[in-house]
Amino acid sequence: MTAALGRLVILGAGGHGRAVADVATECGWTVAGFTDRSPGAAVLGQDGDVAALQRSGTIDGALVGVGNTALARRAELFALIKAAGVPSPALVHPRAVVSRSARIGDGTVVFPGGVLGAHVAVGDNVVVYSGVVIEHECRIGDHAYLSPGVILSGAVTVGAGAFVGAGAVLLPGITVGVGATVAAGAVVTRDVQAGTTVVGVPARPVGAPA
């Protein structure tokens, strides 16, 4: 694909940052470099340099590239980008399927194989990893992280900063609270309270009787 949309800096050059860079390239952006110290990365500066990089004409936008081990840091970096007045475009991989009625916030990345159904609303700086299915009328809060293979049935709400592990299934109408964690492979049949971690089939809070 010919890059024509502009130049991006990715804040973080680890595995997730490189995966975001790959999606950006597929979407038609040029990745100018990273803010990180990872070996082999094209380092443009520190995280706080994004405004200066834009003023110098080095970049046209920025995206958060740290992954699921630093969810609070993801929110901080997105706030830094916004405070600097640097655009953070949403990226939708060409092999994702997104309803025309779906809404996607700034800085959100939808990886290949992602499916966003009718009237889905996804907030800012959300990760929708490969193979995630978000069915009709789901609501995903800012900075949430949906790992590969997650399935959200209709009218599910995922709160801001929540993490949903690989292969988890959320039944229709479920609400996952702000900052909650759903473990990989869990099947969520009831609401998850804010800040709670649930595991298993059916999913139960950590420490609850089986």
N, C-alpha and C. Protein backbone atom coordinates (compact mmCIF):
# COMPACT_ATOMS: atom_id res chain seq x y z
N MET A 1 0.85 -1.19 0.00
CA MET A 1 0.00 0.00 0.00
C MET A 1 0.88 1.24 0.00
N THR A 2 0.54 2.23 -0.80
CA THR A 2 1.29 3.47 -0.86
C THR A 2 0.97 4.34 0.33
N ALA A 3 2.03 4.77 1.03
CA ALA A 3 1.83 5.62 2.20
C ALA A 3 1.52 7.04 1.73
N ALA A 4 0.39 7.58 2.18
CA ALA A 4 0.00 8.90 1.71
C ALA A 4 -0.65 9.76 2.78
N LEU A 5 -0.89 9.20 3.95
CA LEU A 5 -1.67 9.92 4.95
C LEU A 5 -0.83 10.82 5.83
N GLY A 6 0.46 10.56 5.95
CA GLY A 6 1.32 11.36 6.81
C GLY A 6 2.24 10.47 7.62
N ARG A 7 2.94 11.09 8.57
CA ARG A 7 3.98 10.41 9.35
C ARG A 7 3.58 10.34 10.82
N LEU A 8 3.76 9.16 11.39
CA LEU A 8 3.39 8.93 12.78
C LEU A 8 4.61 8.59 13.62
N VAL A 9 4.56 8.98 14.90
CA VAL A 9 5.48 8.46 15.89
C VAL A 9 4.68 7.54 16.81
N ILE A 10 5.28 6.41 17.16
CA ILE A 10 4.65 5.45 18.05
C ILE A 10 5.35 5.56 19.41
N LEU A 11 4.56 5.81 20.47
CA LEU A 11 5.13 5.95 21.81
C LEU A 11 5.27 4.57 22.43
N GLY A 12 6.46 3.98 22.24
CA GLY A 12 6.75 2.64 22.70
C GLY A 12 7.16 1.75 21.55
N ALA A 13 8.32 1.10 21.66
CA ALA A 13 8.85 0.29 20.55
C ALA A 13 8.96 -1.18 20.91
N GLY A 14 8.19 -1.62 21.90
CA GLY A 14 8.15 -3.04 22.21
C GLY A 14 7.30 -3.79 21.21
N GLY A 15 6.91 -5.01 21.58
CA GLY A 15 6.13 -5.83 20.65
C GLY A 15 4.83 -5.19 20.24
N HIS A 16 4.11 -4.60 21.20
CA HIS A 16 2.84 -3.97 20.85
C HIS A 16 3.07 -2.76 19.97
N GLY A 17 4.08 -1.96 20.28
CA GLY A 17 4.38 -0.80 19.46
C GLY A 17 4.69 -1.18 18.02
N ARG A 18 5.44 -2.25 17.84
CA ARG A 18 5.76 -2.69 16.48
C ARG A 18 4.52 -3.22 15.77
N ALA A 19 3.60 -3.85 16.54
CA ALA A 19 2.35 -4.31 15.94
C ALA A 19 1.48 -3.13 15.50
N VAL A 20 1.43 -2.08 16.33
CA VAL A 20 0.70 -0.87 15.95
C VAL A 20 1.32 -0.25 14.71
N ALA A 21 2.64 -0.22 14.65
CA ALA A 21 3.32 0.33 13.48
C ALA A 21 2.94 -0.43 12.21
N ASP A 22 2.81 -1.75 12.33
CA ASP A 22 2.43 -2.56 11.17
C ASP A 22 1.03 -2.20 10.68
N VAL A 23 0.08 -2.02 11.62
CA VAL A 23 -1.27 -1.61 11.23
C VAL A 23 -1.25 -0.24 10.59
N ALA A 24 -0.47 0.68 11.16
CA ALA A 24 -0.38 2.03 10.61
C ALA A 24 0.09 1.99 9.16
N THR A 25 1.11 1.19 8.91
CA THR A 25 1.63 1.08 7.54
C THR A 25 0.57 0.52 6.60
N GLU A 26 -0.16 -0.51 7.04
CA GLU A 26 -1.21 -1.09 6.21
C GLU A 26 -2.33 -0.09 5.94
N CYS A 27 -2.52 0.85 6.86
CA CYS A 27 -3.57 1.85 6.68
C CYS A 27 -3.12 3.03 5.81
N GLY A 28 -1.86 3.07 5.42
CA GLY A 28 -1.39 4.13 4.55
C GLY A 28 -0.58 5.21 5.21
N TRP A 29 -0.20 5.02 6.48
CA TRP A 29 0.65 5.97 7.18
C TRP A 29 2.11 5.55 7.04
N THR A 30 2.99 6.52 7.16
CA THR A 30 4.42 6.26 7.29
C THR A 30 4.78 6.33 8.77
N VAL A 31 5.46 5.32 9.27
CA VAL A 31 5.94 5.35 10.65
C VAL A 31 7.32 5.99 10.66
N ALA A 32 7.38 7.22 11.18
CA ALA A 32 8.64 7.96 11.20
C ALA A 32 9.60 7.39 12.23
N GLY A 33 9.07 6.81 13.30
CA GLY A 33 9.91 6.23 14.34
C GLY A 33 9.16 6.08 15.65
N PHE A 34 9.92 5.86 16.72
CA PHE A 34 9.37 5.55 18.03
C PHE A 34 9.98 6.48 19.08
N THR A 35 9.32 6.55 20.23
CA THR A 35 9.96 7.13 21.41
C THR A 35 10.20 5.98 22.37
N ASP A 36 11.43 5.50 22.38
CA ASP A 36 11.77 4.34 23.19
C ASP A 36 13.28 4.15 23.12
N ARG A 37 13.75 3.18 23.88
CA ARG A 37 15.17 2.85 23.84
C ARG A 37 15.39 1.40 23.42
N SER A 38 14.42 0.81 22.77
CA SER A 38 14.55 -0.58 22.37
C SER A 38 15.59 -0.73 21.26
N PRO A 39 16.44 -1.77 21.32
CA PRO A 39 17.44 -1.98 20.27
C PRO A 39 16.80 -2.09 18.89
N GLY A 40 17.37 -1.42 17.93
CA GLY A 40 16.89 -1.50 16.56
C GLY A 40 15.77 -0.55 16.22
N ALA A 41 15.21 0.14 17.21
CA ALA A 41 14.12 1.07 16.94
C ALA A 41 14.67 2.38 16.39
N ALA A 42 13.92 2.99 15.48
CA ALA A 42 14.26 4.33 15.00
C ALA A 42 13.76 5.33 16.04
N VAL A 43 14.63 5.73 16.94
CA VAL A 43 14.23 6.56 18.08
C VAL A 43 14.24 8.03 17.68
N LEU A 44 13.09 8.69 17.88
CA LEU A 44 12.97 10.10 17.54
C LEU A 44 13.12 11.01 18.76
N GLY A 45 13.02 10.45 19.96
CA GLY A 45 13.13 11.27 21.16
C GLY A 45 12.41 10.63 22.32
N GLN A 46 12.13 11.43 23.33
CA GLN A 46 11.40 10.99 24.51
C GLN A 46 9.90 11.16 24.27
N ASP A 47 9.09 10.55 25.16
CA ASP A 47 7.65 10.66 25.02
C ASP A 47 7.19 12.12 25.01
N GLY A 48 7.81 12.94 25.85
CA GLY A 48 7.41 14.33 25.96
C GLY A 48 7.81 15.21 24.79
N ASP A 49 8.48 14.61 23.80
CA ASP A 49 8.94 15.40 22.64
C ASP A 49 7.93 15.47 21.51
N VAL A 50 6.72 14.91 21.69
CA VAL A 50 5.80 14.80 20.56
C VAL A 50 5.42 16.17 19.98
N ALA A 51 5.19 17.15 20.83
CA ALA A 51 4.83 18.48 20.32
C ALA A 51 5.96 19.07 19.50
N ALA A 52 7.19 18.94 20.00
CA ALA A 52 8.35 19.47 19.26
C ALA A 52 8.54 18.74 17.94
N LEU A 53 8.28 17.44 17.94
CA LEU A 53 8.40 16.68 16.69
C LEU A 53 7.39 17.14 15.65
N GLN A 54 6.18 17.48 16.11
CA GLN A 54 5.19 18.00 15.18
C GLN A 54 5.58 19.39 14.68
N ARG A 55 6.02 20.26 15.57
CA ARG A 55 6.41 21.61 15.17
C ARG A 55 7.54 21.60 14.15
N SER A 56 8.44 20.63 14.29
CA SER A 56 9.58 20.55 13.37
C SER A 56 9.21 19.93 12.03
N GLY A 57 7.98 19.43 11.92
CA GLY A 57 7.55 18.79 10.68
C GLY A 57 7.96 17.34 10.56
N THR A 58 8.50 16.78 11.64
CA THR A 58 8.93 15.38 11.61
C THR A 58 7.76 14.42 11.59
N ILE A 59 6.67 14.78 12.29
CA ILE A 59 5.50 13.91 12.37
C ILE A 59 4.23 14.70 12.13
N ASP A 60 3.18 13.95 11.79
CA ASP A 60 1.84 14.52 11.63
C ASP A 60 0.87 13.97 12.68
N GLY A 61 1.29 12.98 13.44
CA GLY A 61 0.42 12.39 14.44
C GLY A 61 1.20 11.44 15.32
N ALA A 62 0.53 10.95 16.37
CA ALA A 62 1.17 10.05 17.33
C ALA A 62 0.17 9.04 17.84
N LEU A 63 0.68 7.86 18.18
CA LEU A 63 -0.15 6.79 18.73
C LEU A 63 0.55 6.15 19.92
N VAL A 64 -0.24 5.65 20.86
CA VAL A 64 0.30 4.93 22.00
C VAL A 64 0.69 3.53 21.56
N GLY A 65 1.91 3.13 21.93
CA GLY A 65 2.40 1.83 21.51
C GLY A 65 2.84 0.92 22.65
N VAL A 66 2.42 1.25 23.89
CA VAL A 66 2.70 0.32 25.00
C VAL A 66 1.49 -0.59 25.17
N GLY A 67 1.75 -1.79 25.66
CA GLY A 67 0.71 -2.81 25.63
C GLY A 67 0.01 -3.07 26.94
N ASN A 68 -0.45 -4.30 27.11
CA ASN A 68 -1.37 -4.63 28.20
C ASN A 68 -0.69 -4.69 29.57
N THR A 69 0.63 -4.68 29.62
CA THR A 69 1.30 -4.70 30.92
C THR A 69 1.42 -3.31 31.53
N ALA A 70 0.96 -2.30 30.82
CA ALA A 70 1.08 -0.92 31.30
C ALA A 70 -0.17 -0.12 30.96
N LEU A 71 -1.34 -0.62 31.44
CA LEU A 71 -2.59 0.01 31.05
C LEU A 71 -2.69 1.45 31.57
N ALA A 72 -2.25 1.69 32.80
CA ALA A 72 -2.29 3.06 33.31
C ALA A 72 -1.37 3.96 32.51
N ARG A 73 -0.21 3.44 32.12
CA ARG A 73 0.73 4.21 31.31
C ARG A 73 0.12 4.53 29.95
N ARG A 74 -0.66 3.62 29.39
CA ARG A 74 -1.32 3.89 28.10
C ARG A 74 -2.19 5.15 28.22
N ALA A 75 -2.97 5.24 29.27
CA ALA A 75 -3.83 6.41 29.45
C ALA A 75 -3.00 7.68 29.62
N GLU A 76 -1.90 7.60 30.38
CA GLU A 76 -1.04 8.76 30.59
C GLU A 76 -0.44 9.25 29.26
N LEU A 77 0.02 8.32 28.44
CA LEU A 77 0.63 8.70 27.17
C LEU A 77 -0.39 9.31 26.22
N PHE A 78 -1.60 8.77 26.23
CA PHE A 78 -2.63 9.35 25.37
C PHE A 78 -2.96 10.77 25.82
N ALA A 79 -3.04 10.99 27.12
CA ALA A 79 -3.28 12.34 27.64
C ALA A 79 -2.16 13.28 27.24
N LEU A 80 -0.92 12.78 27.26
CA LEU A 80 0.22 13.60 26.84
C LEU A 80 0.09 14.02 25.38
N ILE A 81 -0.29 13.07 24.53
CA ILE A 81 -0.46 13.39 23.10
C ILE A 81 -1.54 14.45 22.92
N LYS A 82 -2.66 14.28 23.60
CA LYS A 82 -3.76 15.23 23.48
C LYS A 82 -3.37 16.61 24.00
N ALA A 83 -2.68 16.65 25.15
CA ALA A 83 -2.28 17.93 25.74
C ALA A 83 -1.31 18.67 24.83
N ALA A 84 -0.53 17.93 24.06
CA ALA A 84 0.42 18.54 23.12
C ALA A 84 -0.26 19.03 21.86
N GLY A 85 -1.54 18.71 21.68
CA GLY A 85 -2.25 19.13 20.48
C GLY A 85 -1.87 18.36 19.24
N VAL A 86 -1.33 17.16 19.41
CA VAL A 86 -0.91 16.32 18.29
C VAL A 86 -2.04 15.35 17.94
N PRO A 87 -2.44 15.26 16.68
CA PRO A 87 -3.50 14.32 16.32
C PRO A 87 -3.12 12.87 16.63
N SER A 88 -4.11 12.09 17.03
CA SER A 88 -3.92 10.66 17.26
C SER A 88 -5.01 9.93 16.48
N PRO A 89 -4.72 9.52 15.25
CA PRO A 89 -5.76 8.96 14.40
C PRO A 89 -6.18 7.57 14.82
N ALA A 90 -7.42 7.24 14.59
CA ALA A 90 -7.87 5.85 14.72
C ALA A 90 -7.34 5.06 13.53
N LEU A 91 -6.94 3.83 13.79
CA LEU A 91 -6.46 2.95 12.74
C LEU A 91 -7.37 1.72 12.64
N VAL A 92 -7.82 1.41 11.45
CA VAL A 92 -8.62 0.20 11.22
C VAL A 92 -7.93 -0.59 10.12
N HIS A 93 -7.41 -1.74 10.47
CA HIS A 93 -6.70 -2.57 9.50
C HIS A 93 -7.61 -2.89 8.31
N PRO A 94 -7.07 -2.92 7.11
CA PRO A 94 -7.91 -3.21 5.93
C PRO A 94 -8.64 -4.54 5.99
N ARG A 95 -8.14 -5.47 6.78
CA ARG A 95 -8.81 -6.77 6.88
C ARG A 95 -9.72 -6.87 8.11
N ALA A 96 -10.02 -5.75 8.71
CA ALA A 96 -11.08 -5.70 9.73
C ALA A 96 -12.40 -5.40 9.05
N VAL A 97 -13.50 -5.72 9.75
CA VAL A 97 -14.85 -5.47 9.23
C VAL A 97 -15.57 -4.56 10.22
N VAL A 98 -15.93 -3.38 9.77
CA VAL A 98 -16.54 -2.38 10.66
C VAL A 98 -17.84 -1.87 10.05
N SER A 99 -18.91 -1.98 10.81
CA SER A 99 -20.20 -1.47 10.35
C SER A 99 -20.12 0.04 10.10
N ARG A 100 -20.88 0.50 9.12
CA ARG A 100 -20.93 1.93 8.85
C ARG A 100 -21.54 2.71 10.00
N SER A 101 -22.30 2.04 10.85
CA SER A 101 -22.94 2.72 11.98
C SER A 101 -22.07 2.69 13.24
N ALA A 102 -20.92 2.01 13.18
CA ALA A 102 -20.03 1.95 14.34
C ALA A 102 -19.26 3.26 14.46
N ARG A 103 -18.89 3.63 15.68
CA ARG A 103 -18.10 4.82 15.95
C ARG A 103 -16.82 4.43 16.68
N ILE A 104 -15.71 5.00 16.24
CA ILE A 104 -14.39 4.64 16.78
C ILE A 104 -13.68 5.92 17.20
N GLY A 105 -13.18 5.96 18.44
CA GLY A 105 -12.54 7.14 18.98
C GLY A 105 -11.10 7.33 18.52
N ASP A 106 -10.55 8.48 18.86
CA ASP A 106 -9.17 8.82 18.51
C ASP A 106 -8.20 7.82 19.13
N GLY A 107 -7.15 7.52 18.37
CA GLY A 107 -6.07 6.69 18.89
C GLY A 107 -6.39 5.22 19.04
N THR A 108 -7.59 4.82 18.71
CA THR A 108 -7.97 3.40 18.79
C THR A 108 -7.39 2.64 17.61
N VAL A 109 -6.95 1.41 17.87
CA VAL A 109 -6.38 0.57 16.82
C VAL A 109 -7.18 -0.73 16.73
N VAL A 110 -7.70 -1.00 15.52
CA VAL A 110 -8.43 -2.23 15.25
C VAL A 110 -7.54 -3.11 14.37
N PHE A 111 -7.15 -4.25 14.89
CA PHE A 111 -6.19 -5.13 14.23
C PHE A 111 -6.91 -6.04 13.20
N PRO A 112 -6.14 -6.78 12.38
CA PRO A 112 -6.76 -7.62 11.36
C PRO A 112 -7.71 -8.65 11.95
N GLY A 113 -8.81 -8.85 11.25
CA GLY A 113 -9.81 -9.82 11.70
C GLY A 113 -10.77 -9.29 12.73
N GLY A 114 -10.59 -8.06 13.18
CA GLY A 114 -11.55 -7.47 14.11
C GLY A 114 -12.89 -7.24 13.43
N VAL A 115 -13.98 -7.41 14.18
CA VAL A 115 -15.33 -7.19 13.65
C VAL A 115 -16.07 -6.27 14.62
N LEU A 116 -16.55 -5.16 14.10
CA LEU A 116 -17.36 -4.21 14.87
C LEU A 116 -18.73 -4.14 14.24
N GLY A 117 -19.75 -4.57 14.98
CA GLY A 117 -21.10 -4.66 14.45
C GLY A 117 -21.86 -3.36 14.48
N ALA A 118 -23.15 -3.47 14.20
CA ALA A 118 -24.01 -2.29 14.06
C ALA A 118 -24.10 -1.51 15.36
N HIS A 119 -23.91 -0.20 15.24
CA HIS A 119 -24.10 0.75 16.36
C HIS A 119 -23.17 0.48 17.54
N VAL A 120 -22.03 -0.09 17.26
CA VAL A 120 -20.98 -0.24 18.27
C VAL A 120 -20.33 1.12 18.49
N ALA A 121 -19.99 1.43 19.73
CA ALA A 121 -19.28 2.67 20.05
C ALA A 121 -18.01 2.32 20.82
N VAL A 122 -16.87 2.67 20.24
CA VAL A 122 -15.58 2.40 20.86
C VAL A 122 -14.93 3.73 21.20
N GLY A 123 -14.45 3.86 22.43
CA GLY A 123 -13.87 5.12 22.90
C GLY A 123 -12.48 5.38 22.36
N ASP A 124 -11.77 6.30 23.02
CA ASP A 124 -10.43 6.70 22.62
C ASP A 124 -9.38 5.73 23.14
N ASN A 125 -8.32 5.54 22.34
CA ASN A 125 -7.12 4.82 22.78
C ASN A 125 -7.44 3.39 23.20
N VAL A 126 -8.35 2.76 22.49
CA VAL A 126 -8.75 1.37 22.77
C VAL A 126 -7.95 0.44 21.87
N VAL A 127 -7.60 -0.72 22.38
CA VAL A 127 -6.96 -1.77 21.58
C VAL A 127 -8.00 -2.84 21.27
N VAL A 128 -8.23 -3.07 19.99
CA VAL A 128 -9.12 -4.15 19.52
C VAL A 128 -8.23 -5.12 18.75
N TYR A 129 -7.73 -6.13 19.44
CA TYR A 129 -6.71 -6.98 18.84
C TYR A 129 -7.30 -7.96 17.81
N SER A 130 -6.40 -8.72 17.20
CA SER A 130 -6.77 -9.60 16.09
C SER A 130 -7.87 -10.57 16.48
N GLY A 131 -8.88 -10.68 15.59
CA GLY A 131 -9.94 -11.65 15.78
C GLY A 131 -10.98 -11.30 16.82
N VAL A 132 -10.96 -10.08 17.34
CA VAL A 132 -11.97 -9.67 18.31
C VAL A 132 -13.30 -9.43 17.60
N VAL A 133 -14.39 -9.95 18.18
CA VAL A 133 -15.73 -9.73 17.65
C VAL A 133 -16.52 -8.90 18.65
N ILE A 134 -16.95 -7.72 18.21
CA ILE A 134 -17.76 -6.83 19.04
C ILE A 134 -19.11 -6.70 18.36
N GLU A 135 -20.11 -7.35 18.91
CA GLU A 135 -21.41 -7.38 18.24
C GLU A 135 -22.23 -6.11 18.51
N HIS A 136 -23.41 -6.07 17.97
CA HIS A 136 -24.25 -4.88 17.91
C HIS A 136 -24.42 -4.19 19.25
N GLU A 137 -24.35 -2.86 19.23
CA GLU A 137 -24.70 -1.99 20.36
C GLU A 137 -23.79 -2.13 21.58
N CYS A 138 -22.61 -2.70 21.40
CA CYS A 138 -21.66 -2.74 22.50
C CYS A 138 -21.05 -1.36 22.71
N ARG A 139 -20.61 -1.09 23.94
CA ARG A 139 -19.98 0.18 24.30
C ARG A 139 -18.64 -0.13 24.97
N ILE A 140 -17.57 0.42 24.41
CA ILE A 140 -16.23 0.17 24.92
C ILE A 140 -15.64 1.50 25.40
N GLY A 141 -15.27 1.57 26.68
CA GLY A 141 -14.76 2.81 27.25
C GLY A 141 -13.33 3.12 26.85
N ASP A 142 -12.93 4.36 27.07
CA ASP A 142 -11.58 4.81 26.75
C ASP A 142 -10.53 3.91 27.39
N HIS A 143 -9.44 3.67 26.65
CA HIS A 143 -8.25 2.96 27.13
C HIS A 143 -8.49 1.48 27.45
N ALA A 144 -9.64 0.95 27.10
CA ALA A 144 -9.87 -0.49 27.30
C ALA A 144 -8.98 -1.30 26.37
N TYR A 145 -8.76 -2.55 26.75
CA TYR A 145 -7.84 -3.42 25.99
C TYR A 145 -8.52 -4.76 25.79
N LEU A 146 -8.80 -5.09 24.52
CA LEU A 146 -9.45 -6.35 24.16
C LEU A 146 -8.43 -7.23 23.47
N SER A 147 -8.04 -8.31 24.12
CA SER A 147 -6.99 -9.20 23.64
C SER A 147 -7.48 -10.07 22.47
N PRO A 148 -6.56 -10.75 21.79
CA PRO A 148 -6.95 -11.55 20.63
C PRO A 148 -8.07 -12.55 20.93
N GLY A 149 -9.01 -12.62 20.00
CA GLY A 149 -10.06 -13.63 20.07
C GLY A 149 -11.19 -13.37 21.04
N VAL A 150 -11.24 -12.20 21.64
CA VAL A 150 -12.35 -11.87 22.55
C VAL A 150 -13.65 -11.80 21.77
N ILE A 151 -14.74 -12.26 22.40
CA ILE A 151 -16.08 -12.17 21.80
C ILE A 151 -16.98 -11.41 22.76
N LEU A 152 -17.50 -10.30 22.29
CA LEU A 152 -18.48 -9.52 23.05
C LEU A 152 -19.83 -9.67 22.35
N SER A 153 -20.76 -10.36 22.99
CA SER A 153 -22.08 -10.52 22.42
C SER A 153 -22.82 -9.18 22.49
N GLY A 154 -24.02 -9.11 21.96
CA GLY A 154 -24.72 -7.84 21.83
C GLY A 154 -24.91 -7.08 23.12
N ALA A 155 -24.82 -5.74 23.02
CA ALA A 155 -25.13 -4.82 24.11
C ALA A 155 -24.25 -5.00 25.35
N VAL A 156 -23.02 -5.41 25.15
CA VAL A 156 -22.05 -5.50 26.23
C VAL A 156 -21.43 -4.12 26.45
N THR A 157 -21.17 -3.79 27.71
CA THR A 157 -20.46 -2.56 28.06
C THR A 157 -19.15 -2.93 28.73
N VAL A 158 -18.05 -2.38 28.21
CA VAL A 158 -16.73 -2.57 28.83
C VAL A 158 -16.26 -1.20 29.30
N GLY A 159 -16.01 -1.07 30.59
CA GLY A 159 -15.67 0.22 31.17
C GLY A 159 -14.28 0.71 30.81
N ALA A 160 -14.05 1.98 31.04
CA ALA A 160 -12.76 2.60 30.75
C ALA A 160 -11.64 1.88 31.47
N GLY A 161 -10.54 1.63 30.76
CA GLY A 161 -9.37 1.03 31.36
C GLY A 161 -9.50 -0.43 31.72
N ALA A 162 -10.57 -1.08 31.30
CA ALA A 162 -10.74 -2.51 31.59
C ALA A 162 -9.87 -3.34 30.65
N PHE A 163 -9.50 -4.52 31.11
CA PHE A 163 -8.70 -5.46 30.33
C PHE A 163 -9.48 -6.76 30.18
N VAL A 164 -9.58 -7.24 28.93
CA VAL A 164 -10.26 -8.51 28.65
C VAL A 164 -9.25 -9.43 27.98
N GLY A 165 -8.97 -10.55 28.63
CA GLY A 165 -7.92 -11.46 28.17
C GLY A 165 -8.31 -12.28 26.95
N ALA A 166 -7.31 -12.89 26.35
CA ALA A 166 -7.47 -13.62 25.10
C ALA A 166 -8.54 -14.70 25.19
N GLY A 167 -9.42 -14.72 24.20
CA GLY A 167 -10.42 -15.76 24.09
C GLY A 167 -11.58 -15.67 25.05
N ALA A 168 -11.65 -14.61 25.85
CA ALA A 168 -12.78 -14.47 26.77
C ALA A 168 -14.07 -14.22 26.01
N VAL A 169 -15.18 -14.69 26.58
CA VAL A 169 -16.50 -14.52 25.98
C VAL A 169 -17.40 -13.80 26.98
N LEU A 170 -18.03 -12.72 26.55
CA LEU A 170 -18.96 -11.97 27.40
C LEU A 170 -20.36 -12.12 26.82
N LEU A 171 -21.29 -12.64 27.61
CA LEU A 171 -22.65 -12.89 27.13
C LEU A 171 -23.41 -11.58 26.96
N PRO A 172 -24.54 -11.62 26.25
CA PRO A 172 -25.27 -10.38 25.94
C PRO A 172 -25.66 -9.59 27.18
N GLY A 173 -25.51 -8.28 27.08
CA GLY A 173 -25.96 -7.37 28.12
C GLY A 173 -25.05 -7.23 29.32
N ILE A 174 -23.91 -7.91 29.32
CA ILE A 174 -22.97 -7.87 30.45
C ILE A 174 -22.31 -6.50 30.53
N THR A 175 -22.05 -6.05 31.76
CA THR A 175 -21.25 -4.85 31.99
C THR A 175 -19.98 -5.22 32.74
N VAL A 176 -18.85 -4.80 32.20
CA VAL A 176 -17.55 -4.95 32.85
C VAL A 176 -17.16 -3.56 33.35
N GLY A 177 -16.96 -3.41 34.64
CA GLY A 177 -16.75 -2.11 35.23
C GLY A 177 -15.40 -1.50 34.91
N VAL A 178 -15.27 -0.23 35.26
CA VAL A 178 -14.04 0.54 35.03
C VAL A 178 -12.86 -0.16 35.70
N GLY A 179 -11.77 -0.34 34.94
CA GLY A 179 -10.56 -0.92 35.50
C GLY A 179 -10.63 -2.37 35.88
N ALA A 180 -11.68 -3.08 35.48
CA ALA A 180 -11.80 -4.50 35.80
C ALA A 180 -10.91 -5.33 34.88
N THR A 181 -10.67 -6.59 35.28
CA THR A 181 -9.88 -7.52 34.49
C THR A 181 -10.66 -8.81 34.30
N VAL A 182 -10.78 -9.23 33.05
CA VAL A 182 -11.38 -10.52 32.72
C VAL A 182 -10.26 -11.42 32.22
N ALA A 183 -10.03 -12.53 32.90
CA ALA A 183 -8.91 -13.40 32.56
C ALA A 183 -9.13 -14.08 31.22
N ALA A 184 -8.02 -14.49 30.61
CA ALA A 184 -8.08 -15.22 29.35
C ALA A 184 -8.96 -16.46 29.48
N GLY A 185 -9.79 -16.69 28.48
CA GLY A 185 -10.63 -17.88 28.44
C GLY A 185 -11.86 -17.85 29.32
N ALA A 186 -12.07 -16.78 30.05
CA ALA A 186 -13.24 -16.70 30.94
C ALA A 186 -14.52 -16.59 30.12
N VAL A 187 -15.60 -17.09 30.69
CA VAL A 187 -16.94 -16.91 30.12
C VAL A 187 -17.73 -16.11 31.14
N VAL A 188 -18.05 -14.87 30.78
CA VAL A 188 -18.66 -13.94 31.72
C VAL A 188 -20.17 -13.97 31.57
N THR A 189 -20.85 -14.42 32.62
CA THR A 189 -22.30 -14.58 32.58
C THR A 189 -23.02 -13.58 33.48
N ARG A 190 -22.26 -12.81 34.25
CA ARG A 190 -22.86 -11.78 35.10
C ARG A 190 -21.93 -10.57 35.13
N ASP A 191 -22.46 -9.44 35.55
CA ASP A 191 -21.70 -8.20 35.54
C ASP A 191 -20.44 -8.32 36.40
N VAL A 192 -19.40 -7.60 35.98
CA VAL A 192 -18.13 -7.56 36.70
C VAL A 192 -17.97 -6.17 37.30
N GLN A 193 -17.80 -6.11 38.60
CA GLN A 193 -17.69 -4.83 39.29
C GLN A 193 -16.38 -4.12 38.96
N ALA A 194 -16.39 -2.81 39.06
CA ALA A 194 -15.20 -2.01 38.79
C ALA A 194 -14.02 -2.50 39.63
N GLY A 195 -12.86 -2.60 38.99
CA GLY A 195 -11.64 -2.97 39.69
C GLY A 195 -11.51 -4.43 40.06
N THR A 196 -12.48 -5.24 39.69
CA THR A 196 -12.49 -6.66 40.05
C THR A 196 -11.80 -7.49 38.98
N THR A 197 -11.17 -8.59 39.37
CA THR A 197 -10.62 -9.56 38.44
C THR A 197 -11.47 -10.83 38.49
N VAL A 198 -11.91 -11.29 37.33
CA VAL A 198 -12.70 -12.52 37.27
C VAL A 198 -11.99 -13.54 36.40
N VAL A 199 -12.18 -14.83 36.77
CA VAL A 199 -11.53 -15.93 36.06
C VAL A 199 -12.51 -17.09 35.94
N GLY A 200 -12.27 -17.96 34.96
CA GLY A 200 -12.96 -19.24 34.91
C GLY A 200 -14.22 -19.27 34.08
N VAL A 201 -14.85 -20.46 34.12
CA VAL A 201 -16.08 -20.74 33.37
C VAL A 201 -17.08 -21.39 34.33
N PRO A 202 -18.15 -20.70 34.71
CA PRO A 202 -18.39 -19.29 34.44
C PRO A 202 -17.44 -18.41 35.25
N ALA A 203 -17.25 -17.20 34.83
CA ALA A 203 -16.29 -16.32 35.48
C ALA A 203 -16.74 -15.94 36.89
N ARG A 204 -15.79 -15.99 37.81
CA ARG A 204 -16.04 -15.60 39.21
C ARG A 204 -14.90 -14.71 39.68
N PRO A 205 -15.18 -13.82 40.63
CA PRO A 205 -14.09 -12.99 41.18
C PRO A 205 -12.98 -13.86 41.77
N VAL A 206 -11.76 -13.39 41.64
CA VAL A 206 -10.64 -14.11 42.23
C VAL A 206 -10.86 -14.27 43.73
N GLY A 207 -10.71 -15.49 44.23
CA GLY A 207 -10.90 -15.77 45.64
C GLY A 207 -12.30 -16.21 46.01
N ALA A 208 -13.26 -16.09 45.07
CA ALA A 208 -14.63 -16.52 45.35
C ALA A 208 -14.71 -18.05 45.32
N PRO A 209 -15.65 -18.66 46.08
CA PRO A 209 -15.81 -20.12 46.06
C PRO A 209 -16.15 -20.60 44.67
N ALA A 210 -15.65 -21.74 44.29
CA ALA A 210 -15.93 -22.31 42.96
C ALA A 210 -17.37 -22.79 42.90
